[in-house]
Amino acid sequence: MTTQTISGIREHMIIGGQPVDQSQGVRIPVYNPATGQVIAQQPEAGVQGVDLAVKAAHQALTLPLTRCATSPAVQGGEG
């Protein structure tokens, strides 16, 4: 199968809001379900990527929300 380039598709993971390419060499093809064509190659997380993701998730659930991360209703404004 040929790889079709589509603008805007990222070929890296997003962990903790940051782009991360912690691939351990294996890349997973991403298919366009309408055509079956490969449109991107995503890195497999591996042990290091999973560790980073778990740490980021733990921080997201345990750190207090900042003003910019809360909704206007929570900030005291109208939503």
PDB file of N, CA and C in Angstrom:
ATOM      1  N   MET A   1       0.833  -1.188   0.000  1.00  0.00           N
ATOM      2  CA  MET A   1       0.000   0.000   0.000  1.00  0.00           C
ATOM      3  C   MET A   1       0.874   1.246   0.000  1.00  0.00           C
ATOM      4  N   THR A   2       0.429   2.254  -0.703  1.00  0.00           N
ATOM      5  CA  THR A   2       1.169   3.510  -0.712  1.00  0.00           C
ATOM      6  C   THR A   2       0.741   4.367   0.466  1.00  0.00           C
ATOM      7  N   THR A   3       1.642   5.236   0.890  1.00  0.00           N
ATOM      8  CA  THR A   3       1.327   6.146   1.982  1.00  0.00           C
ATOM      9  C   THR A   3       0.851   7.462   1.404  1.00  0.00           C
ATOM     10  N   GLN A   4      -0.322   7.882   1.788  1.00  0.00           N
ATOM     11  CA  GLN A   4      -0.914   9.146   1.349  1.00  0.00           C
ATOM     12  C   GLN A   4      -0.588  10.192   2.402  1.00  0.00           C
ATOM     13  N   THR A   5      -0.105  11.347   2.000  1.00  0.00           N
ATOM     14  CA  THR A   5       0.201  12.407   2.950  1.00  0.00           C
ATOM     15  C   THR A   5      -1.028  13.283   3.139  1.00  0.00           C
ATOM     16  N   ILE A   6      -1.432  13.450   4.390  1.00  0.00           N
ATOM     17  CA  ILE A   6      -2.558  14.319   4.708  1.00  0.00           C
ATOM     18  C   ILE A   6      -2.065  15.400   5.657  1.00  0.00           C
ATOM     19  N   SER A   7      -2.290  16.626   5.299  1.00  0.00           N
ATOM     20  CA  SER A   7      -1.859  17.759   6.106  1.00  0.00           C
ATOM     21  C   SER A   7      -2.531  17.732   7.475  1.00  0.00           C
ATOM     22  N   GLY A   8      -1.771  18.006   8.522  1.00  0.00           N
ATOM     23  CA  GLY A   8      -2.329  18.118   9.861  1.00  0.00           C
ATOM     24  C   GLY A   8      -2.245  16.858  10.696  1.00  0.00           C
ATOM     25  N   ILE A   9      -1.849  15.740  10.112  1.00  0.00           N
ATOM     26  CA  ILE A   9      -1.729  14.517  10.900  1.00  0.00           C
ATOM     27  C   ILE A   9      -0.356  14.515  11.560  1.00  0.00           C
ATOM     28  N   ARG A  10      -0.365  14.372  12.876  1.00  0.00           N
ATOM     29  CA  ARG A  10       0.893  14.338  13.619  1.00  0.00           C
ATOM     30  C   ARG A  10       1.400  12.907  13.673  1.00  0.00           C
ATOM     31  N   GLU A  11       2.685  12.758  13.541  1.00  0.00           N
ATOM     32  CA  GLU A  11       3.269  11.421  13.614  1.00  0.00           C
ATOM     33  C   GLU A  11       4.099  11.289  14.886  1.00  0.00           C
ATOM     34  N   HIS A  12       3.513  11.730  15.985  1.00  0.00           N
ATOM     35  CA  HIS A  12       4.134  11.585  17.300  1.00  0.00           C
ATOM     36  C   HIS A  12       3.023  11.512  18.339  1.00  0.00           C
ATOM     37  N   MET A  13       3.382  11.089  19.513  1.00  0.00           N
ATOM     38  CA  MET A  13       2.410  11.030  20.607  1.00  0.00           C
ATOM     39  C   MET A  13       2.343  12.389  21.289  1.00  0.00           C
ATOM     40  N   ILE A  14       1.222  12.667  21.938  1.00  0.00           N
ATOM     41  CA  ILE A  14       1.080  13.855  22.773  1.00  0.00           C
ATOM     42  C   ILE A  14       0.926  13.341  24.200  1.00  0.00           C
ATOM     43  N   ILE A  15       1.892  13.655  25.039  1.00  0.00           N
ATOM     44  CA  ILE A  15       1.857  13.221  26.439  1.00  0.00           C
ATOM     45  C   ILE A  15       2.068  14.456  27.304  1.00  0.00           C
ATOM     46  N   GLY A  16       1.144  14.693  28.205  1.00  0.00           N
ATOM     47  CA  GLY A  16       1.240  15.869  29.067  1.00  0.00           C
ATOM     48  C   GLY A  16       1.197  17.157  28.279  1.00  0.00           C
ATOM     49  N   GLY A  17       0.507  17.134  27.125  1.00  0.00           N
ATOM     50  CA  GLY A  17       0.383  18.324  26.296  1.00  0.00           C
ATOM     51  C   GLY A  17       1.595  18.620  25.432  1.00  0.00           C
ATOM     52  N   GLN A  18       2.590  17.729  25.455  1.00  0.00           N
ATOM     53  CA  GLN A  18       3.816  17.953  24.696  1.00  0.00           C
ATOM     54  C   GLN A  18       4.008  16.855  23.646  1.00  0.00           C
ATOM     55  N   PRO A  19       4.541  17.207  22.470  1.00  0.00           N
ATOM     56  CA  PRO A  19       4.832  16.175  21.482  1.00  0.00           C
ATOM     57  C   PRO A  19       5.992  15.298  21.965  1.00  0.00           C
ATOM     58  N   VAL A  20       5.826  14.003  21.851  1.00  0.00           N
ATOM     59  CA  VAL A  20       6.838  13.055  22.311  1.00  0.00           C
ATOM     60  C   VAL A  20       7.013  11.994  21.240  1.00  0.00           C
ATOM     61  N   ASP A  21       8.247  11.705  20.898  1.00  0.00           N
ATOM     62  CA  ASP A  21       8.519  10.624  19.951  1.00  0.00           C
ATOM     63  C   ASP A  21       9.365   9.578  20.667  1.00  0.00           C
ATOM     64  N   GLN A  22       8.746   8.882  21.610  1.00  0.00           N
ATOM     65  CA  GLN A  22       9.442   7.880  22.420  1.00  0.00           C
ATOM     66  C   GLN A  22       9.336   6.498  21.797  1.00  0.00           C
ATOM     67  N   SER A  23       9.302   6.440  20.487  1.00  0.00           N
ATOM     68  CA  SER A  23       9.177   5.154  19.824  1.00  0.00           C
ATOM     69  C   SER A  23      10.407   4.311  20.086  1.00  0.00           C
ATOM     70  N   GLN A  24      10.184   3.032  20.231  1.00  0.00           N
ATOM     71  CA  GLN A  24      11.306   2.111  20.385  1.00  0.00           C
ATOM     72  C   GLN A  24      11.535   1.376  19.075  1.00  0.00           C
ATOM     73  N   GLY A  25      11.411   2.139  17.980  1.00  0.00           N
ATOM     74  CA  GLY A  25      11.693   1.585  16.671  1.00  0.00           C
ATOM     75  C   GLY A  25      10.477   1.100  15.915  1.00  0.00           C
ATOM     76  N   VAL A  26       9.426   0.701  16.608  1.00  0.00           N
ATOM     77  CA  VAL A  26       8.242   0.181  15.939  1.00  0.00           C
ATOM     78  C   VAL A  26       7.277   1.325  15.667  1.00  0.00           C
ATOM     79  N   ARG A  27       6.807   1.404  14.445  1.00  0.00           N
ATOM     80  CA  ARG A  27       5.813   2.409  14.092  1.00  0.00           C
ATOM     81  C   ARG A  27       4.564   1.684  13.615  1.00  0.00           C
ATOM     82  N   ILE A  28       3.415   2.199  14.000  1.00  0.00           N
ATOM     83  CA  ILE A  28       2.140   1.569  13.710  1.00  0.00           C
ATOM     84  C   ILE A  28       1.463   2.339  12.582  1.00  0.00           C
ATOM     85  N   PRO A  29       1.060   1.663  11.512  1.00  0.00           N
ATOM     86  CA  PRO A  29       0.381   2.373  10.429  1.00  0.00           C
ATOM     87  C   PRO A  29      -1.015   2.824  10.845  1.00  0.00           C
ATOM     88  N   VAL A  30      -1.386   4.022  10.394  1.00  0.00           N
ATOM     89  CA  VAL A  30      -2.723   4.570  10.608  1.00  0.00           C
ATOM     90  C   VAL A  30      -3.402   4.580   9.242  1.00  0.00           C
ATOM     91  N   TYR A  31      -4.561   3.961   9.175  1.00  0.00           N
ATOM     92  CA  TYR A  31      -5.254   3.806   7.903  1.00  0.00           C
ATOM     93  C   TYR A  31      -6.434   4.762   7.780  1.00  0.00           C
ATOM     94  N   ASN A  32      -6.656   5.257   6.575  1.00  0.00           N
ATOM     95  CA  ASN A  32      -7.862   5.997   6.252  1.00  0.00           C
ATOM     96  C   ASN A  32      -8.966   4.949   6.102  1.00  0.00           C
ATOM     97  N   PRO A  33      -9.989   4.983   6.972  1.00  0.00           N
ATOM     98  CA  PRO A  33     -11.000   3.937   6.899  1.00  0.00           C
ATOM     99  C   PRO A  33     -11.822   3.966   5.608  1.00  0.00           C
ATOM    100  N   ALA A  34     -11.858   5.102   4.942  1.00  0.00           N
ATOM    101  CA  ALA A  34     -12.636   5.213   3.710  1.00  0.00           C
ATOM    102  C   ALA A  34     -11.919   4.588   2.521  1.00  0.00           C
ATOM    103  N   THR A  35     -10.575   4.662   2.542  1.00  0.00           N
ATOM    104  CA  THR A  35      -9.823   4.187   1.374  1.00  0.00           C
ATOM    105  C   THR A  35      -8.920   2.994   1.678  1.00  0.00           C
ATOM    106  N   GLY A  36      -8.624   2.781   2.955  1.00  0.00           N
ATOM    107  CA  GLY A  36      -7.696   1.706   3.315  1.00  0.00           C
ATOM    108  C   GLY A  36      -6.236   2.085   3.137  1.00  0.00           C
ATOM    109  N   GLN A  37      -5.981   3.315   2.704  1.00  0.00           N
ATOM    110  CA  GLN A  37      -4.599   3.757   2.493  1.00  0.00           C
ATOM    111  C   GLN A  37      -3.953   4.124   3.821  1.00  0.00           C
ATOM    112  N   VAL A  38      -2.652   3.881   3.921  1.00  0.00           N
ATOM    113  CA  VAL A  38      -1.879   4.313   5.083  1.00  0.00           C
ATOM    114  C   VAL A  38      -1.703   5.821   4.967  1.00  0.00           C
ATOM    115  N   ILE A  39      -2.102   6.547   6.023  1.00  0.00           N
ATOM    116  CA  ILE A  39      -2.017   8.012   5.982  1.00  0.00           C
ATOM    117  C   ILE A  39      -1.005   8.565   6.980  1.00  0.00           C
ATOM    118  N   ALA A  40      -0.531   7.725   7.900  1.00  0.00           N
ATOM    119  CA  ALA A  40       0.458   8.163   8.880  1.00  0.00           C
ATOM    120  C   ALA A  40       1.098   6.935   9.518  1.00  0.00           C
ATOM    121  N   GLN A  41       2.184   7.174  10.213  1.00  0.00           N
ATOM    122  CA  GLN A  41       2.862   6.142  10.983  1.00  0.00           C
ATOM    123  C   GLN A  41       3.031   6.681  12.392  1.00  0.00           C
ATOM    124  N   GLN A  42       2.394   6.061  13.361  1.00  0.00           N
ATOM    125  CA  GLN A  42       2.479   6.509  14.750  1.00  0.00           C
ATOM    126  C   GLN A  42       3.491   5.643  15.499  1.00  0.00           C
ATOM    127  N   PRO A  43       4.233   6.244  16.414  1.00  0.00           N
ATOM    128  CA  PRO A  43       5.176   5.456  17.204  1.00  0.00           C
ATOM    129  C   PRO A  43       4.450   4.581  18.215  1.00  0.00           C
ATOM    130  N   GLU A  44       4.973   3.395  18.430  1.00  0.00           N
ATOM    131  CA  GLU A  44       4.474   2.560  19.513  1.00  0.00           C
ATOM    132  C   GLU A  44       5.111   3.085  20.790  1.00  0.00           C
ATOM    133  N   ALA A  45       4.337   3.217  21.845  1.00  0.00           N
ATOM    134  CA  ALA A  45       4.816   3.872  23.063  1.00  0.00           C
ATOM    135  C   ALA A  45       5.988   3.148  23.703  1.00  0.00           C
ATOM    136  N   GLY A  46       5.936   1.859  23.820  1.00  0.00           N
ATOM    137  CA  GLY A  46       6.987   1.140  24.519  1.00  0.00           C
ATOM    138  C   GLY A  46       6.965   1.470  26.005  1.00  0.00           C
ATOM    139  N   VAL A  47       7.891   0.916  26.724  1.00  0.00           N
ATOM    140  CA  VAL A  47       7.934   1.083  28.186  1.00  0.00           C
ATOM    141  C   VAL A  47       8.135   2.543  28.578  1.00  0.00           C
ATOM    142  N   GLN A  48       9.048   3.238  27.922  1.00  0.00           N
ATOM    143  CA  GLN A  48       9.330   4.633  28.285  1.00  0.00           C
ATOM    144  C   GLN A  48       8.141   5.542  28.007  1.00  0.00           C
ATOM    145  N   GLY A  49       7.487   5.357  26.874  1.00  0.00           N
ATOM    146  CA  GLY A  49       6.327   6.183  26.541  1.00  0.00           C
ATOM    147  C   GLY A  49       5.169   5.948  27.489  1.00  0.00           C
ATOM    148  N   VAL A  50       4.945   4.682  27.852  1.00  0.00           N
ATOM    149  CA  VAL A  50       3.867   4.372  28.798  1.00  0.00           C
ATOM    150  C   VAL A  50       4.178   4.988  30.156  1.00  0.00           C
ATOM    151  N   ASP A  51       5.425   4.914  30.579  1.00  0.00           N
ATOM    152  CA  ASP A  51       5.819   5.507  31.862  1.00  0.00           C
ATOM    153  C   ASP A  51       5.567   7.016  31.856  1.00  0.00           C
ATOM    154  N   LEU A  52       5.946   7.696  30.778  1.00  0.00           N
ATOM    155  CA  LEU A  52       5.698   9.139  30.668  1.00  0.00           C
ATOM    156  C   LEU A  52       4.203   9.440  30.706  1.00  0.00           C
ATOM    157  N   ALA A  53       3.401   8.637  30.012  1.00  0.00           N
ATOM    158  CA  ALA A  53       1.956   8.864  29.971  1.00  0.00           C
ATOM    159  C   ALA A  53       1.313   8.650  31.341  1.00  0.00           C
ATOM    160  N   VAL A  54       1.745   7.630  32.059  1.00  0.00           N
ATOM    161  CA  VAL A  54       1.193   7.367  33.395  1.00  0.00           C
ATOM    162  C   VAL A  54       1.555   8.499  34.349  1.00  0.00           C
ATOM    163  N   LYS A  55       2.795   8.975  34.282  1.00  0.00           N
ATOM    164  CA  LYS A  55       3.204  10.098  35.139  1.00  0.00           C
ATOM    165  C   LYS A  55       2.415  11.359  34.806  1.00  0.00           C
ATOM    166  N   ALA A  56       2.209  11.631  33.520  1.00  0.00           N
ATOM    167  CA  ALA A  56       1.448  12.817  33.113  1.00  0.00           C
ATOM    168  C   ALA A  56      -0.003  12.706  33.564  1.00  0.00           C
ATOM    169  N   ALA A  57      -0.586  11.523  33.451  1.00  0.00           N
ATOM    170  CA  ALA A  57      -1.967  11.326  33.890  1.00  0.00           C
ATOM    171  C   ALA A  57      -2.086  11.495  35.403  1.00  0.00           C
ATOM    172  N   HIS A  58      -1.123  10.972  36.124  1.00  0.00           N
ATOM    173  CA  HIS A  58      -1.134  11.113  37.595  1.00  0.00           C
ATOM    174  C   HIS A  58      -1.059  12.584  37.976  1.00  0.00           C
ATOM    175  N   GLN A  59      -0.166  13.341  37.331  1.00  0.00           N
ATOM    176  CA  GLN A  59      -0.057  14.769  37.614  1.00  0.00           C
ATOM    177  C   GLN A  59      -1.358  15.496  37.293  1.00  0.00           C
ATOM    178  N   ALA A  60      -1.975  15.143  36.172  1.00  0.00           N
ATOM    179  CA  ALA A  60      -3.212  15.806  35.774  1.00  0.00           C
ATOM    180  C   ALA A  60      -4.327  15.569  36.786  1.00  0.00           C
ATOM    181  N   LEU A  61      -4.313  14.422  37.428  1.00  0.00           N
ATOM    182  CA  LEU A  61      -5.373  14.094  38.379  1.00  0.00           C
ATOM    183  C   LEU A  61      -5.076  14.560  39.795  1.00  0.00           C
ATOM    184  N   THR A  62      -3.823  14.872  40.101  1.00  0.00           N
ATOM    185  CA  THR A  62      -3.479  15.221  41.476  1.00  0.00           C
ATOM    186  C   THR A  62      -3.096  16.673  41.676  1.00  0.00           C
ATOM    187  N   LEU A  63      -2.660  17.365  40.658  1.00  0.00           N
ATOM    188  CA  LEU A  63      -2.292  18.772  40.814  1.00  0.00           C
ATOM    189  C   LEU A  63      -3.543  19.638  40.832  1.00  0.00           C
ATOM    190  N   PRO A  64      -3.528  20.707  41.618  1.00  0.00           N
ATOM    191  CA  PRO A  64      -4.706  21.591  41.639  1.00  0.00           C
ATOM    192  C   PRO A  64      -4.886  22.262  40.277  1.00  0.00           C
ATOM    193  N   LEU A  65      -6.140  22.513  39.925  1.00  0.00           N
ATOM    194  CA  LEU A  65      -6.432  23.185  38.664  1.00  0.00           C
ATOM    195  C   LEU A  65      -5.940  24.627  38.728  1.00  0.00           C
ATOM    196  N   THR A  66      -5.430  25.104  37.624  1.00  0.00           N
ATOM    197  CA  THR A  66      -5.041  26.514  37.540  1.00  0.00           C
ATOM    198  C   THR A  66      -6.220  27.299  36.978  1.00  0.00           C
ATOM    199  N   ARG A  67      -6.172  28.569  37.128  1.00  0.00           N
ATOM    200  CA  ARG A  67      -7.270  29.409  36.649  1.00  0.00           C
ATOM    201  C   ARG A  67      -7.522  29.205  35.157  1.00  0.00           C
ATOM    202  N   CYS A  68      -6.487  29.076  34.360  1.00  0.00           N
ATOM    203  CA  CYS A  68      -6.673  28.934  32.916  1.00  0.00           C
ATOM    204  C   CYS A  68      -7.230  27.564  32.555  1.00  0.00           C
ATOM    205  N   ALA A  69      -7.137  26.608  33.451  1.00  0.00           N
ATOM    206  CA  ALA A  69      -7.623  25.259  33.143  1.00  0.00           C
ATOM    207  C   ALA A  69      -9.059  25.036  33.586  1.00  0.00           C
ATOM    208  N   THR A  70      -9.659  26.022  34.217  1.00  0.00           N
ATOM    209  CA  THR A  70     -11.027  25.844  34.696  1.00  0.00           C
ATOM    210  C   THR A  70     -12.003  26.571  33.777  1.00  0.00           C
ATOM    211  N   SER A  71     -13.225  26.160  33.830  1.00  0.00           N
ATOM    212  CA  SER A  71     -14.252  26.783  32.995  1.00  0.00           C
ATOM    213  C   SER A  71     -14.610  28.163  33.546  1.00  0.00           C
ATOM    214  N   PRO A  72     -15.191  29.031  32.706  1.00  0.00           N
ATOM    215  CA  PRO A  72     -15.590  30.352  33.199  1.00  0.00           C
ATOM    216  C   PRO A  72     -16.556  30.278  34.390  1.00  0.00           C
ATOM    217  N   ALA A  73     -17.438  29.281  34.418  1.00  0.00           N
ATOM    218  CA  ALA A  73     -18.384  29.138  35.513  1.00  0.00           C
ATOM    219  C   ALA A  73     -17.645  28.865  36.819  1.00  0.00           C
ATOM    220  N   VAL A  74     -16.612  28.058  36.769  1.00  0.00           N
ATOM    221  CA  VAL A  74     -15.829  27.740  37.964  1.00  0.00           C
ATOM    222  C   VAL A  74     -15.017  28.963  38.391  1.00  0.00           C
ATOM    223  N   GLN A  75     -14.598  29.771  37.417  1.00  0.00           N
ATOM    224  CA  GLN A  75     -13.796  30.973  37.721  1.00  0.00           C
ATOM    225  C   GLN A  75     -14.653  32.074  38.309  1.00  0.00           C
ATOM    226  N   GLY A  76     -15.970  31.910  38.303  1.00  0.00           N
ATOM    227  CA  GLY A  76     -16.845  32.936  38.848  1.00  0.00           C
ATOM    228  C   GLY A  76     -17.483  33.792  37.782  1.00  0.00           C
ATOM    229  N   GLY A  77     -17.157  33.514  36.525  1.00  0.00           N
ATOM    230  CA  GLY A  77     -17.773  34.266  35.432  1.00  0.00           C
ATOM    231  C   GLY A  77     -18.982  33.531  34.909  1.00  0.00           C
ATOM    232  N   GLU A  78     -19.518  34.069  33.851  1.00  0.00           N
ATOM    233  CA  GLU A  78     -20.666  33.420  33.240  1.00  0.00           C
ATOM    234  C   GLU A  78     -20.189  32.421  32.219  1.00  0.00           C
ATOM    235  N   GLY A  79     -20.872  31.305  32.070  1.00  0.00           N
ATOM    236  CA  GLY A  79     -20.453  30.264  31.146  1.00  0.00           C
ATOM    237  C   GLY A  79     -21.442  30.042  30.127  1.00  0.00           C
TER     238      GLY A  79
END
